Amino acid sequence: MKEFICINCPMGCNLIVDDSDLNNIKVTGNTCKRGETYGINEVLHPKRVVTSVIRIDNRKEVLSVKTNDGIPKEKIFEVLDLLKETEAHAPVNIGDVIISDILGTGVSLVATKNIR
């Protein structure tokens, strides 16, 4: 048994996930289908959106970035290490892809700030 607070909507349901049989995971405490899906995914394949900053053109200013979807939780520190070495070049607009398919995850790193 695992307990989670669902983060898919403002309800914040307290989920109880019975993962004693990984072929038949049972989720209770959810008020919608998204909670059930979240609970199952959190047990089988947890993912997180990564938000950070990167350098831009050797300036003191930094560019805020985030992944456009969740990446496998075990790859978070690899992504952060890659971002330490990443630099963007102005101009940059919100939504511009800085790195596509980051670490082979199929997820892109995008800008969350405009830089001129």
PDB file of N, CA and C in Angstrom:
ATOM      1  N   MET A   1       0.837  -1.183   0.000  1.00  0.00           N
ATOM      2  CA  MET A   1       0.000   0.000   0.000  1.00  0.00           C
ATOM      3  C   MET A   1       0.881   1.245   0.000  1.00  0.00           C
ATOM      4  N   LYS A   2       0.470   2.195  -0.808  1.00  0.00           N
ATOM      5  CA  LYS A   2       1.143   3.493  -0.857  1.00  0.00           C
ATOM      6  C   LYS A   2       0.069   4.570  -0.778  1.00  0.00           C
ATOM      7  N   GLU A   3       0.442   5.700  -0.217  1.00  0.00           N
ATOM      8  CA  GLU A   3      -0.477   6.831  -0.133  1.00  0.00           C
ATOM      9  C   GLU A   3       0.117   8.013  -0.882  1.00  0.00           C
ATOM     10  N   PHE A   4      -0.724   8.699  -1.653  1.00  0.00           N
ATOM     11  CA  PHE A   4      -0.320   9.864  -2.420  1.00  0.00           C
ATOM     12  C   PHE A   4      -1.404  10.925  -2.311  1.00  0.00           C
ATOM     13  N   ILE A   5      -1.011  12.159  -2.518  1.00  0.00           N
ATOM     14  CA  ILE A   5      -1.989  13.222  -2.730  1.00  0.00           C
ATOM     15  C   ILE A   5      -1.976  13.495  -4.218  1.00  0.00           C
ATOM     16  N   CYS A   6      -3.115  13.362  -4.849  1.00  0.00           N
ATOM     17  CA  CYS A   6      -3.217  13.558  -6.297  1.00  0.00           C
ATOM     18  C   CYS A   6      -2.974  15.031  -6.622  1.00  0.00           C
ATOM     19  N   ILE A   7      -2.176  15.266  -7.653  1.00  0.00           N
ATOM     20  CA  ILE A   7      -1.838  16.634  -8.055  1.00  0.00           C
ATOM     21  C   ILE A   7      -2.416  17.000  -9.421  1.00  0.00           C
ATOM     22  N   ASN A   8      -3.383  16.220  -9.905  1.00  0.00           N
ATOM     23  CA  ASN A   8      -3.940  16.485 -11.225  1.00  0.00           C
ATOM     24  C   ASN A   8      -4.997  17.574 -11.260  1.00  0.00           C
ATOM     25  N   CYS A   9      -5.569  17.908 -10.127  1.00  0.00           N
ATOM     26  CA  CYS A   9      -6.558  18.986 -10.092  1.00  0.00           C
ATOM     27  C   CYS A   9      -6.543  19.597  -8.694  1.00  0.00           C
ATOM     28  N   PRO A  10      -7.261  20.685  -8.485  1.00  0.00           N
ATOM     29  CA  PRO A  10      -7.248  21.355  -7.179  1.00  0.00           C
ATOM     30  C   PRO A  10      -7.867  20.542  -6.037  1.00  0.00           C
ATOM     31  N   MET A  11      -8.561  19.453  -6.316  1.00  0.00           N
ATOM     32  CA  MET A  11      -9.198  18.659  -5.267  1.00  0.00           C
ATOM     33  C   MET A  11      -8.171  18.073  -4.298  1.00  0.00           C
ATOM     34  N   GLY A  12      -7.009  17.662  -4.787  1.00  0.00           N
ATOM     35  CA  GLY A  12      -5.973  17.106  -3.921  1.00  0.00           C
ATOM     36  C   GLY A  12      -6.427  15.870  -3.173  1.00  0.00           C
ATOM     37  N   CYS A  13      -7.015  14.936  -3.882  1.00  0.00           N
ATOM     38  CA  CYS A  13      -7.539  13.717  -3.254  1.00  0.00           C
ATOM     39  C   CYS A  13      -6.426  12.914  -2.576  1.00  0.00           C
ATOM     40  N   ASN A  14      -6.776  12.314  -1.445  1.00  0.00           N
ATOM     41  CA  ASN A  14      -5.857  11.409  -0.753  1.00  0.00           C
ATOM     42  C   ASN A  14      -6.047  10.021  -1.332  1.00  0.00           C
ATOM     43  N   LEU A  15      -5.070   9.593  -2.116  1.00  0.00           N
ATOM     44  CA  LEU A  15      -5.158   8.305  -2.787  1.00  0.00           C
ATOM     45  C   LEU A  15      -4.497   7.214  -1.953  1.00  0.00           C
ATOM     46  N   ILE A  16      -5.112   6.066  -1.951  1.00  0.00           N
ATOM     47  CA  ILE A  16      -4.502   4.869  -1.390  1.00  0.00           C
ATOM     48  C   ILE A  16      -4.364   3.902  -2.557  1.00  0.00           C
ATOM     49  N   VAL A  17      -3.124   3.490  -2.799  1.00  0.00           N
ATOM     50  CA  VAL A  17      -2.832   2.642  -3.951  1.00  0.00           C
ATOM     51  C   VAL A  17      -2.365   1.283  -3.445  1.00  0.00           C
ATOM     52  N   ASP A  18      -3.132   0.264  -3.778  1.00  0.00           N
ATOM     53  CA  ASP A  18      -2.772  -1.109  -3.431  1.00  0.00           C
ATOM     54  C   ASP A  18      -1.964  -1.671  -4.594  1.00  0.00           C
ATOM     55  N   ASP A  19      -0.653  -1.760  -4.378  1.00  0.00           N
ATOM     56  CA  ASP A  19       0.238  -2.250  -5.431  1.00  0.00           C
ATOM     57  C   ASP A  19       0.773  -3.635  -5.107  1.00  0.00           C
ATOM     58  N   SER A  20       0.034  -4.398  -4.307  1.00  0.00           N
ATOM     59  CA  SER A  20       0.483  -5.744  -3.955  1.00  0.00           C
ATOM     60  C   SER A  20       0.486  -6.665  -5.173  1.00  0.00           C
ATOM     61  N   ASP A  21      -0.343  -6.367  -6.166  1.00  0.00           N
ATOM     62  CA  ASP A  21      -0.353  -7.096  -7.431  1.00  0.00           C
ATOM     63  C   ASP A  21      -0.177  -6.063  -8.538  1.00  0.00           C
ATOM     64  N   LEU A  22       1.039  -5.973  -9.094  1.00  0.00           N
ATOM     65  CA  LEU A  22       1.315  -4.947 -10.102  1.00  0.00           C
ATOM     66  C   LEU A  22       0.520  -5.132 -11.387  1.00  0.00           C
ATOM     67  N   ASN A  23      -0.098  -6.292 -11.571  1.00  0.00           N
ATOM     68  CA  ASN A  23      -0.953  -6.507 -12.736  1.00  0.00           C
ATOM     69  C   ASN A  23      -2.387  -6.061 -12.476  1.00  0.00           C
ATOM     70  N   ASN A  24      -2.693  -5.753 -11.222  1.00  0.00           N
ATOM     71  CA  ASN A  24      -4.052  -5.344 -10.861  1.00  0.00           C
ATOM     72  C   ASN A  24      -3.974  -4.300  -9.741  1.00  0.00           C
ATOM     73  N   ILE A  25      -3.453  -3.133 -10.053  1.00  0.00           N
ATOM     74  CA  ILE A  25      -3.300  -2.063  -9.072  1.00  0.00           C
ATOM     75  C   ILE A  25      -4.663  -1.437  -8.803  1.00  0.00           C
ATOM     76  N   LYS A  26      -4.977  -1.265  -7.514  1.00  0.00           N
ATOM     77  CA  LYS A  26      -6.264  -0.683  -7.132  1.00  0.00           C
ATOM     78  C   LYS A  26      -6.027   0.665  -6.475  1.00  0.00           C
ATOM     79  N   VAL A  27      -6.782   1.660  -6.921  1.00  0.00           N
ATOM     80  CA  VAL A  27      -6.679   3.020  -6.380  1.00  0.00           C
ATOM     81  C   VAL A  27      -8.017   3.384  -5.753  1.00  0.00           C
ATOM     82  N   THR A  28      -7.952   3.880  -4.513  1.00  0.00           N
ATOM     83  CA  THR A  28      -9.154   4.378  -3.855  1.00  0.00           C
ATOM     84  C   THR A  28      -8.880   5.788  -3.337  1.00  0.00           C
ATOM     85  N   GLY A  29      -9.954   6.500  -3.070  1.00  0.00           N
ATOM     86  CA  GLY A  29      -9.837   7.867  -2.562  1.00  0.00           C
ATOM     87  C   GLY A  29      -9.928   8.929  -3.641  1.00  0.00           C
ATOM     88  N   ASN A  30      -9.898   8.512  -4.893  1.00  0.00           N
ATOM     89  CA  ASN A  30      -9.982   9.472  -5.998  1.00  0.00           C
ATOM     90  C   ASN A  30     -11.430   9.831  -6.284  1.00  0.00           C
ATOM     91  N   THR A  31     -11.635  11.080  -6.696  1.00  0.00           N
ATOM     92  CA  THR A  31     -12.988  11.498  -7.072  1.00  0.00           C
ATOM     93  C   THR A  31     -13.182  11.531  -8.583  1.00  0.00           C
ATOM     94  N   CYS A  32     -12.101  11.297  -9.328  1.00  0.00           N
ATOM     95  CA  CYS A  32     -12.231  11.275 -10.788  1.00  0.00           C
ATOM     96  C   CYS A  32     -11.258  10.244 -11.379  1.00  0.00           C
ATOM     97  N   LYS A  33     -11.435   9.965 -12.632  1.00  0.00           N
ATOM     98  CA  LYS A  33     -10.601   8.983 -13.337  1.00  0.00           C
ATOM     99  C   LYS A  33      -9.140   9.423 -13.378  1.00  0.00           C
ATOM    100  N   ARG A  34      -8.896  10.738 -13.442  1.00  0.00           N
ATOM    101  CA  ARG A  34      -7.512  11.225 -13.491  1.00  0.00           C
ATOM    102  C   ARG A  34      -6.744  10.821 -12.240  1.00  0.00           C
ATOM    103  N   GLY A  35      -7.426  10.785 -11.093  1.00  0.00           N
ATOM    104  CA  GLY A  35      -6.777  10.369  -9.856  1.00  0.00           C
ATOM    105  C   GLY A  35      -6.346   8.921  -9.907  1.00  0.00           C
ATOM    106  N   GLU A  36      -7.183   8.085 -10.469  1.00  0.00           N
ATOM    107  CA  GLU A  36      -6.831   6.673 -10.616  1.00  0.00           C
ATOM    108  C   GLU A  36      -5.614   6.516 -11.521  1.00  0.00           C
ATOM    109  N   THR A  37      -5.628   7.214 -12.639  1.00  0.00           N
ATOM    110  CA  THR A  37      -4.502   7.154 -13.583  1.00  0.00           C
ATOM    111  C   THR A  37      -3.232   7.665 -12.918  1.00  0.00           C
ATOM    112  N   TYR A  38      -3.333   8.776 -12.186  1.00  0.00           N
ATOM    113  CA  TYR A  38      -2.168   9.333 -11.492  1.00  0.00           C
ATOM    114  C   TYR A  38      -1.601   8.316 -10.503  1.00  0.00           C
ATOM    115  N   GLY A  39      -2.456   7.703  -9.696  1.00  0.00           N
ATOM    116  CA  GLY A  39      -1.998   6.732  -8.709  1.00  0.00           C
ATOM    117  C   GLY A  39      -1.276   5.556  -9.334  1.00  0.00           C
ATOM    118  N   ILE A  40      -1.830   5.025 -10.409  1.00  0.00           N
ATOM    119  CA  ILE A  40      -1.194   3.893 -11.096  1.00  0.00           C
ATOM    120  C   ILE A  40       0.142   4.314 -11.685  1.00  0.00           C
ATOM    121  N   ASN A  41       0.172   5.452 -12.360  1.00  0.00           N
ATOM    122  CA  ASN A  41       1.425   5.926 -12.959  1.00  0.00           C
ATOM    123  C   ASN A  41       2.477   6.243 -11.907  1.00  0.00           C
ATOM    124  N   GLU A  42       2.046   6.744 -10.761  1.00  0.00           N
ATOM    125  CA  GLU A  42       2.992   7.095  -9.703  1.00  0.00           C
ATOM    126  C   GLU A  42       3.690   5.838  -9.152  1.00  0.00           C
ATOM    127  N   VAL A  43       3.003   4.720  -9.190  1.00  0.00           N
ATOM    128  CA  VAL A  43       3.597   3.457  -8.746  1.00  0.00           C
ATOM    129  C   VAL A  43       4.467   2.850  -9.851  1.00  0.00           C
ATOM    130  N   LEU A  44       3.952   2.819 -11.075  1.00  0.00           N
ATOM    131  CA  LEU A  44       4.652   2.117 -12.154  1.00  0.00           C
ATOM    132  C   LEU A  44       5.729   2.948 -12.839  1.00  0.00           C
ATOM    133  N   HIS A  45       5.426   4.198 -13.159  1.00  0.00           N
ATOM    134  CA  HIS A  45       6.335   5.040 -13.945  1.00  0.00           C
ATOM    135  C   HIS A  45       6.240   6.495 -13.490  1.00  0.00           C
ATOM    136  N   PRO A  46       6.748   6.826 -12.307  1.00  0.00           N
ATOM    137  CA  PRO A  46       6.624   8.218 -11.844  1.00  0.00           C
ATOM    138  C   PRO A  46       7.383   9.187 -12.744  1.00  0.00           C
ATOM    139  N   LYS A  47       6.742  10.298 -13.040  1.00  0.00           N
ATOM    140  CA  LYS A  47       7.328  11.332 -13.898  1.00  0.00           C
ATOM    141  C   LYS A  47       7.163  12.687 -13.236  1.00  0.00           C
ATOM    142  N   ARG A  48       8.054  13.602 -13.583  1.00  0.00           N
ATOM    143  CA  ARG A  48       7.985  14.955 -13.066  1.00  0.00           C
ATOM    144  C   ARG A  48       8.355  15.953 -14.157  1.00  0.00           C
ATOM    145  N   VAL A  49       7.724  17.115 -14.120  1.00  0.00           N
ATOM    146  CA  VAL A  49       8.138  18.239 -14.960  1.00  0.00           C
ATOM    147  C   VAL A  49       9.325  18.880 -14.245  1.00  0.00           C
ATOM    148  N   VAL A  50      10.383  19.168 -14.999  1.00  0.00           N
ATOM    149  CA  VAL A  50      11.572  19.801 -14.428  1.00  0.00           C
ATOM    150  C   VAL A  50      11.565  21.274 -14.806  1.00  0.00           C
ATOM    151  N   THR A  51      11.733  22.135 -13.814  1.00  0.00           N
ATOM    152  CA  THR A  51      11.869  23.568 -14.061  1.00  0.00           C
ATOM    153  C   THR A  51      13.229  24.006 -13.546  1.00  0.00           C
ATOM    154  N   SER A  52      13.883  24.879 -14.303  1.00  0.00           N
ATOM    155  CA  SER A  52      15.217  25.330 -13.922  1.00  0.00           C
ATOM    156  C   SER A  52      15.549  26.612 -14.682  1.00  0.00           C
ATOM    157  N   VAL A  53      16.811  26.975 -14.671  1.00  0.00           N
ATOM    158  CA  VAL A  53      17.311  28.103 -15.452  1.00  0.00           C
ATOM    159  C   VAL A  53      18.589  27.679 -16.160  1.00  0.00           C
ATOM    160  N   ILE A  54      18.869  28.350 -17.283  1.00  0.00           N
ATOM    161  CA  ILE A  54      20.122  28.127 -18.009  1.00  0.00           C
ATOM    162  C   ILE A  54      20.745  29.477 -18.332  1.00  0.00           C
ATOM    163  N   ARG A  55      22.017  29.422 -18.674  1.00  0.00           N
ATOM    164  CA  ARG A  55      22.719  30.659 -19.063  1.00  0.00           C
ATOM    165  C   ARG A  55      22.233  31.114 -20.434  1.00  0.00           C
ATOM    166  N   ILE A  56      22.401  32.411 -20.673  1.00  0.00           N
ATOM    167  CA  ILE A  56      22.052  32.956 -21.982  1.00  0.00           C
ATOM    168  C   ILE A  56      23.151  33.903 -22.440  1.00  0.00           C
ATOM    169  N   ASP A  57      23.802  33.570 -23.528  1.00  0.00           N
ATOM    170  CA  ASP A  57      24.813  34.409 -24.182  1.00  0.00           C
ATOM    171  C   ASP A  57      25.817  35.043 -23.221  1.00  0.00           C
ATOM    172  N   ASN A  58      26.300  34.308 -22.257  1.00  0.00           N
ATOM    173  CA  ASN A  58      27.294  34.824 -21.311  1.00  0.00           C
ATOM    174  C   ASN A  58      26.820  36.064 -20.552  1.00  0.00           C
ATOM    175  N   ARG A  59      25.522  36.245 -20.409  1.00  0.00           N
ATOM    176  CA  ARG A  59      24.973  37.366 -19.652  1.00  0.00           C
ATOM    177  C   ARG A  59      24.828  36.971 -18.181  1.00  0.00           C
ATOM    178  N   LYS A  60      24.611  37.981 -17.343  1.00  0.00           N
ATOM    179  CA  LYS A  60      24.271  37.697 -15.950  1.00  0.00           C
ATOM    180  C   LYS A  60      22.836  37.206 -15.842  1.00  0.00           C
ATOM    181  N   GLU A  61      22.012  37.625 -16.794  1.00  0.00           N
ATOM    182  CA  GLU A  61      20.608  37.205 -16.828  1.00  0.00           C
ATOM    183  C   GLU A  61      20.532  35.723 -17.203  1.00  0.00           C
ATOM    184  N   VAL A  62      19.555  35.028 -16.629  1.00  0.00           N
ATOM    185  CA  VAL A  62      19.349  33.624 -16.971  1.00  0.00           C
ATOM    186  C   VAL A  62      17.981  33.457 -17.619  1.00  0.00           C
ATOM    187  N   LEU A  63      17.813  32.339 -18.298  1.00  0.00           N
ATOM    188  CA  LEU A  63      16.565  32.004 -18.970  1.00  0.00           C
ATOM    189  C   LEU A  63      15.870  30.902 -18.192  1.00  0.00           C
ATOM    190  N   SER A  64      14.639  31.147 -17.787  1.00  0.00           N
ATOM    191  CA  SER A  64      13.872  30.094 -17.116  1.00  0.00           C
ATOM    192  C   SER A  64      13.357  29.113 -18.167  1.00  0.00           C
ATOM    193  N   VAL A  65      13.421  27.825 -17.817  1.00  0.00           N
ATOM    194  CA  VAL A  65      13.031  26.753 -18.732  1.00  0.00           C
ATOM    195  C   VAL A  65      12.267  25.679 -17.961  1.00  0.00           C
ATOM    196  N   LYS A  66      11.556  24.843 -18.715  1.00  0.00           N
ATOM    197  CA  LYS A  66      10.892  23.689 -18.114  1.00  0.00           C
ATOM    198  C   LYS A  66      10.707  22.629 -19.184  1.00  0.00           C
ATOM    199  N   THR A  67      10.516  21.392 -18.727  1.00  0.00           N
ATOM    200  CA  THR A  67      10.193  20.340 -19.680  1.00  0.00           C
ATOM    201  C   THR A  67       8.716  20.482 -20.034  1.00  0.00           C
ATOM    202  N   ASN A  68       8.374  20.181 -21.281  1.00  0.00           N
ATOM    203  CA  ASN A  68       6.984  20.363 -21.710  1.00  0.00           C
ATOM    204  C   ASN A  68       6.090  19.187 -21.333  1.00  0.00           C
ATOM    205  N   ASP A  69       6.656  18.228 -20.619  1.00  0.00           N
ATOM    206  CA  ASP A  69       5.911  17.084 -20.099  1.00  0.00           C
ATOM    207  C   ASP A  69       6.771  16.462 -19.008  1.00  0.00           C
ATOM    208  N   GLY A  70       6.228  15.505 -18.313  1.00  0.00           N
ATOM    209  CA  GLY A  70       6.989  14.836 -17.276  1.00  0.00           C
ATOM    210  C   GLY A  70       8.070  13.935 -17.858  1.00  0.00           C
ATOM    211  N   ILE A  71       9.190  13.883 -17.164  1.00  0.00           N
ATOM    212  CA  ILE A  71      10.256  12.956 -17.529  1.00  0.00           C
ATOM    213  C   ILE A  71      10.343  11.905 -16.427  1.00  0.00           C
ATOM    214  N   PRO A  72      10.884  10.735 -16.746  1.00  0.00           N
ATOM    215  CA  PRO A  72      11.024   9.718 -15.705  1.00  0.00           C
ATOM    216  C   PRO A  72      11.780  10.289 -14.502  1.00  0.00           C
ATOM    217  N   LYS A  73      11.245  10.038 -13.332  1.00  0.00           N
ATOM    218  CA  LYS A  73      11.787  10.605 -12.095  1.00  0.00           C
ATOM    219  C   LYS A  73      13.271  10.284 -11.928  1.00  0.00           C
ATOM    220  N   GLU A  74      13.685   9.108 -12.370  1.00  0.00           N
ATOM    221  CA  GLU A  74      15.087   8.717 -12.195  1.00  0.00           C
ATOM    222  C   GLU A  74      16.044   9.489 -13.107  1.00  0.00           C
ATOM    223  N   LYS A  75      15.521  10.244 -14.068  1.00  0.00           N
ATOM    224  CA  LYS A  75      16.374  11.022 -14.974  1.00  0.00           C
ATOM    225  C   LYS A  75      16.495  12.496 -14.576  1.00  0.00           C
ATOM    226  N   ILE A  76      15.836  12.903 -13.515  1.00  0.00           N
ATOM    227  CA  ILE A  76      15.831  14.315 -13.133  1.00  0.00           C
ATOM    228  C   ILE A  76      17.248  14.858 -12.950  1.00  0.00           C
ATOM    229  N   PHE A  77      18.081  14.166 -12.195  1.00  0.00           N
ATOM    230  CA  PHE A  77      19.422  14.689 -11.927  1.00  0.00           C
ATOM    231  C   PHE A  77      20.291  14.688 -13.179  1.00  0.00           C
ATOM    232  N   GLU A  78      20.088  13.744 -14.079  1.00  0.00           N
ATOM    233  CA  GLU A  78      20.803  13.763 -15.364  1.00  0.00           C
ATOM    234  C   GLU A  78      20.410  14.999 -16.172  1.00  0.00           C
ATOM    235  N   VAL A  79      19.124  15.313 -16.168  1.00  0.00           N
ATOM    236  CA  VAL A  79      18.654  16.500 -16.884  1.00  0.00           C
ATOM    237  C   VAL A  79      19.267  17.756 -16.266  1.00  0.00           C
ATOM    238  N   LEU A  80      19.252  17.847 -14.950  1.00  0.00           N
ATOM    239  CA  LEU A  80      19.815  19.026 -14.289  1.00  0.00           C
ATOM    240  C   LEU A  80      21.310  19.159 -14.571  1.00  0.00           C
ATOM    241  N   ASP A  81      22.035  18.048 -14.617  1.00  0.00           N
ATOM    242  CA  ASP A  81      23.464  18.106 -14.966  1.00  0.00           C
ATOM    243  C   ASP A  81      23.646  18.626 -16.389  1.00  0.00           C
ATOM    244  N   LEU A  82      22.797  18.180 -17.315  1.00  0.00           N
ATOM    245  CA  LEU A  82      22.867  18.650 -18.699  1.00  0.00           C
ATOM    246  C   LEU A  82      22.591  20.153 -18.772  1.00  0.00           C
ATOM    247  N   LEU A  83      21.649  20.634 -17.974  1.00  0.00           N
ATOM    248  CA  LEU A  83      21.297  22.058 -18.007  1.00  0.00           C
ATOM    249  C   LEU A  83      22.428  22.939 -17.507  1.00  0.00           C
ATOM    250  N   LYS A  84      23.267  22.421 -16.627  1.00  0.00           N
ATOM    251  CA  LYS A  84      24.423  23.195 -16.150  1.00  0.00           C
ATOM    252  C   LYS A  84      25.360  23.550 -17.301  1.00  0.00           C
ATOM    253  N   GLU A  85      25.367  22.713 -18.338  1.00  0.00           N
ATOM    254  CA  GLU A  85      26.250  22.898 -19.492  1.00  0.00           C
ATOM    255  C   GLU A  85      25.542  23.535 -20.676  1.00  0.00           C
ATOM    256  N   THR A  86      24.266  23.851 -20.538  1.00  0.00           N
ATOM    257  CA  THR A  86      23.464  24.352 -21.654  1.00  0.00           C
ATOM    258  C   THR A  86      23.409  25.872 -21.642  1.00  0.00           C
ATOM    259  N   GLU A  87      23.542  26.455 -22.839  1.00  0.00           N
ATOM    260  CA  GLU A  87      23.434  27.904 -22.988  1.00  0.00           C
ATOM    261  C   GLU A  87      22.519  28.195 -24.166  1.00  0.00           C
ATOM    262  N   ALA A  88      21.641  29.159 -24.001  1.00  0.00           N
ATOM    263  CA  ALA A  88      20.747  29.585 -25.076  1.00  0.00           C
ATOM    264  C   ALA A  88      21.267  30.886 -25.664  1.00  0.00           C
ATOM    265  N   HIS A  89      20.762  31.210 -26.847  1.00  0.00           N
ATOM    266  CA  HIS A  89      21.192  32.432 -27.537  1.00  0.00           C
ATOM    267  C   HIS A  89      19.974  33.308 -27.827  1.00  0.00           C
ATOM    268  N   ALA A  90      20.084  34.567 -27.448  1.00  0.00           N
ATOM    269  CA  ALA A  90      19.001  35.527 -27.665  1.00  0.00           C
ATOM    270  C   ALA A  90      18.873  35.832 -29.154  1.00  0.00           C
ATOM    271  N   PRO A  91      17.676  36.182 -29.603  1.00  0.00           N
ATOM    272  CA  PRO A  91      16.438  36.308 -28.843  1.00  0.00           C
ATOM    273  C   PRO A  91      15.773  34.943 -28.614  1.00  0.00           C
ATOM    274  N   VAL A  92      15.039  34.858 -27.514  1.00  0.00           N
ATOM    275  CA  VAL A  92      14.300  33.646 -27.161  1.00  0.00           C
ATOM    276  C   VAL A  92      12.886  34.060 -26.786  1.00  0.00           C
ATOM    277  N   ASN A  93      11.912  33.287 -27.248  1.00  0.00           N
ATOM    278  CA  ASN A  93      10.512  33.549 -26.922  1.00  0.00           C
ATOM    279  C   ASN A  93       9.948  32.411 -26.083  1.00  0.00           C
ATOM    280  N   ILE A  94       8.961  32.737 -25.264  1.00  0.00           N
ATOM    281  CA  ILE A  94       8.282  31.713 -24.470  1.00  0.00           C
ATOM    282  C   ILE A  94       7.813  30.599 -25.407  1.00  0.00           C
ATOM    283  N   GLY A  95       8.115  29.376 -25.033  1.00  0.00           N
ATOM    284  CA  GLY A  95       7.702  28.217 -25.832  1.00  0.00           C
ATOM    285  C   GLY A  95       8.748  27.732 -26.810  1.00  0.00           C
ATOM    286  N   ASP A  96       9.802  28.527 -27.056  1.00  0.00           N
ATOM    287  CA  ASP A  96      10.863  28.062 -27.951  1.00  0.00           C
ATOM    288  C   ASP A  96      11.494  26.799 -27.381  1.00  0.00           C
ATOM    289  N   VAL A  97      11.739  25.830 -28.251  1.00  0.00           N
ATOM    290  CA  VAL A  97      12.384  24.587 -27.832  1.00  0.00           C
ATOM    291  C   VAL A  97      13.882  24.837 -27.709  1.00  0.00           C
ATOM    292  N   ILE A  98      14.416  24.594 -26.533  1.00  0.00           N
ATOM    293  CA  ILE A  98      15.845  24.759 -26.280  1.00  0.00           C
ATOM    294  C   ILE A  98      16.567  23.443 -26.537  1.00  0.00           C
ATOM    295  N   ILE A  99      16.004  22.336 -26.069  1.00  0.00           N
ATOM    296  CA  ILE A  99      16.529  20.990 -26.329  1.00  0.00           C
ATOM    297  C   ILE A  99      15.331  20.106 -26.647  1.00  0.00           C
ATOM    298  N   SER A 100      15.353  19.470 -27.802  1.00  0.00           N
ATOM    299  CA  SER A 100      14.271  18.539 -28.119  1.00  0.00           C
ATOM    300  C   SER A 100      14.705  17.128 -27.711  1.00  0.00           C
ATOM    301  N   ASP A 101      13.742  16.311 -27.355  1.00  0.00           N
ATOM    302  CA  ASP A 101      13.969  14.912 -26.970  1.00  0.00           C
ATOM    303  C   ASP A 101      15.115  14.790 -25.956  1.00  0.00           C
ATOM    304  N   ILE A 102      14.980  15.511 -24.865  1.00  0.00           N
ATOM    305  CA  ILE A 102      16.032  15.559 -23.856  1.00  0.00           C
ATOM    306  C   ILE A 102      16.303  14.157 -23.293  1.00  0.00           C
ATOM    307  N   LEU A 103      17.540  13.728 -23.399  1.00  0.00           N
ATOM    308  CA  LEU A 103      18.003  12.416 -22.936  1.00  0.00           C
ATOM    309  C   LEU A 103      17.167  11.256 -23.473  1.00  0.00           C
ATOM    310  N   GLY A 104      16.652  11.420 -24.679  1.00  0.00           N
ATOM    311  CA  GLY A 104      15.893  10.346 -25.316  1.00  0.00           C
ATOM    312  C   GLY A 104      14.542  10.077 -24.675  1.00  0.00           C
ATOM    313  N   THR A 105      14.003  11.054 -23.955  1.00  0.00           N
ATOM    314  CA  THR A 105      12.722  10.872 -23.267  1.00  0.00           C
ATOM    315  C   THR A 105      11.518  11.201 -24.142  1.00  0.00           C
ATOM    316  N   GLY A 106      11.761  11.849 -25.286  1.00  0.00           N
ATOM    317  CA  GLY A 106      10.654  12.309 -26.118  1.00  0.00           C
ATOM    318  C   GLY A 106      10.066  13.618 -25.637  1.00  0.00           C
ATOM    319  N   VAL A 107      10.655  14.192 -24.588  1.00  0.00           N
ATOM    320  CA  VAL A 107      10.176  15.434 -23.978  1.00  0.00           C
ATOM    321  C   VAL A 107      11.144  16.557 -24.346  1.00  0.00           C
ATOM    322  N   SER A 108      10.611  17.742 -24.589  1.00  0.00           N
ATOM    323  CA  SER A 108      11.454  18.889 -24.942  1.00  0.00           C
ATOM    324  C   SER A 108      11.600  19.840 -23.764  1.00  0.00           C
ATOM    325  N   LEU A 109      12.724  20.545 -23.755  1.00  0.00           N
ATOM    326  CA  LEU A 109      12.962  21.622 -22.807  1.00  0.00           C
ATOM    327  C   LEU A 109      12.593  22.913 -23.515  1.00  0.00           C
ATOM    328  N   VAL A 110      11.694  23.711 -22.912  1.00  0.00           N
ATOM    329  CA  VAL A 110      11.217  24.925 -23.560  1.00  0.00           C
ATOM    330  C   VAL A 110      11.465  26.141 -22.679  1.00  0.00           C
ATOM    331  N   ALA A 111      11.569  27.293 -23.343  1.00  0.00           N
ATOM    332  CA  ALA A 111      11.750  28.562 -22.630  1.00  0.00           C
ATOM    333  C   ALA A 111      10.428  28.981 -21.994  1.00  0.00           C
ATOM    334  N   THR A 112      10.539  29.578 -20.808  1.00  0.00           N
ATOM    335  CA  THR A 112       9.337  30.084 -20.132  1.00  0.00           C
ATOM    336  C   THR A 112       9.441  31.592 -19.910  1.00  0.00           C
ATOM    337  N   LYS A 113      10.345  32.222 -20.688  1.00  0.00           N
ATOM    338  CA  LYS A 113      10.574  33.657 -20.543  1.00  0.00           C
ATOM    339  C   LYS A 113      11.031  34.202 -21.896  1.00  0.00           C
ATOM    340  N   ASN A 114      10.655  35.427 -22.209  1.00  0.00           N
ATOM    341  CA  ASN A 114      11.154  36.097 -23.402  1.00  0.00           C
ATOM    342  C   ASN A 114      12.462  36.802 -23.063  1.00  0.00           C
ATOM    343  N   ILE A 115      13.450  36.666 -23.939  1.00  0.00           N
ATOM    344  CA  ILE A 115      14.738  37.359 -23.785  1.00  0.00           C
ATOM    345  C   ILE A 115      15.031  38.055 -25.106  1.00  0.00           C
ATOM    346  N   ARG A 116      15.323  39.321 -25.047  1.00  0.00           N
ATOM    347  CA  ARG A 116      15.667  40.084 -26.264  1.00  0.00           C
ATOM    348  C   ARG A 116      17.145  40.307 -26.333  1.00  0.00           C
TER     349      ARG A 116
END
